[in-house]
Amino acid sequence: MGLKTIGKRRYWLYAPGRQAGFWDEFFAAGIMGIGWDEVSDLSRFNSKEDIKNALRQGYDAGRM
């Protein structure tokens, strides 16, 4: 997954799982997964700041 700039537009490339191995499953369920197992369901957070704090707690804060 990564951000690409083409002309003036920016696009995200997304591949769920190694070699997009979960593509059919995720498409059928209407979901996207980003591999933040330590954080879980992002809909349970009230703000971006809450998500950032959970990521810092679950992962190495120096990498963020």
Protein backbone atom coordinates (compact mmCIF):
# COMPACT_ATOMS: atom_id res chain seq x y z
CA MET A 1 0.00 0.00 0.00
CA GLY A 2 1.40 3.41 -0.85
CA LEU A 3 0.54 6.87 -2.03
CA LYS A 4 1.29 7.59 -5.70
CA THR A 5 1.17 10.98 -7.38
CA ILE A 6 0.19 10.97 -11.05
CA GLY A 7 -0.14 14.43 -12.52
CA LYS A 8 -2.13 16.51 -10.06
CA ARG A 9 -4.06 13.57 -8.63
CA ARG A 10 -2.97 11.32 -5.82
CA TYR A 11 -3.94 7.65 -5.66
CA TRP A 12 -3.63 4.95 -3.02
CA LEU A 13 -2.69 1.44 -4.08
CA TYR A 14 -4.20 -1.21 -1.88
CA ALA A 15 -3.56 -4.94 -1.68
CA PRO A 16 -5.07 -6.76 1.30
CA GLY A 17 -2.70 -9.44 2.48
CA ARG A 18 0.42 -10.78 0.87
CA GLN A 19 -0.01 -10.66 -2.91
CA ALA A 20 -3.59 -9.44 -2.32
CA GLY A 21 -4.51 -12.85 -0.91
CA PHE A 22 -7.56 -11.49 0.94
CA TRP A 23 -8.92 -9.49 -2.00
CA ASP A 24 -12.01 -11.65 -2.69
CA GLU A 25 -12.86 -12.08 0.99
CA PHE A 26 -12.54 -8.37 1.80
CA PHE A 27 -14.38 -7.30 -1.36
CA ALA A 28 -17.29 -9.64 -0.58
CA ALA A 29 -17.46 -8.30 2.99
CA GLY A 30 -17.17 -4.67 1.86
CA ILE A 31 -14.19 -4.01 4.13
CA MET A 32 -10.57 -2.89 3.96
CA GLY A 33 -7.91 -4.20 6.29
CA ILE A 34 -4.65 -2.40 6.99
CA GLY A 35 -2.92 -4.84 9.32
CA TRP A 36 -3.10 -2.87 12.54
CA ASP A 37 -4.01 -5.88 14.66
CA GLU A 38 -2.96 -4.12 17.87
CA VAL A 39 -5.50 -1.34 17.21
CA SER A 40 -8.43 -3.37 15.82
CA ASP A 41 -11.64 -1.76 14.57
CA LEU A 42 -11.04 1.94 13.83
CA SER A 43 -14.76 2.72 14.10
CA ARG A 44 -14.50 2.46 17.89
CA PHE A 45 -12.42 5.66 18.06
CA ASN A 46 -13.90 9.15 18.30
CA SER A 47 -11.08 11.08 16.64
CA LYS A 48 -7.88 10.81 14.63
CA GLU A 49 -5.99 11.72 17.79
CA ASP A 50 -7.50 8.71 19.59
CA ILE A 51 -6.31 6.47 16.74
CA LYS A 52 -2.81 7.98 16.88
CA ASN A 53 -2.63 7.36 20.62
CA ALA A 54 -3.73 3.74 20.21
CA LEU A 55 -1.11 3.22 17.49
CA ARG A 56 1.57 4.71 19.72
CA GLN A 57 0.58 2.35 22.53
CA GLY A 58 0.43 -0.72 20.31
CA TYR A 59 3.50 -0.07 18.18
CA ASP A 60 6.91 1.52 18.42
CA ALA A 61 6.18 5.27 18.72
CA GLY A 62 9.56 6.07 17.15
CA ARG A 63 8.43 4.63 13.83
CA MET A 64 5.35 6.86 13.56
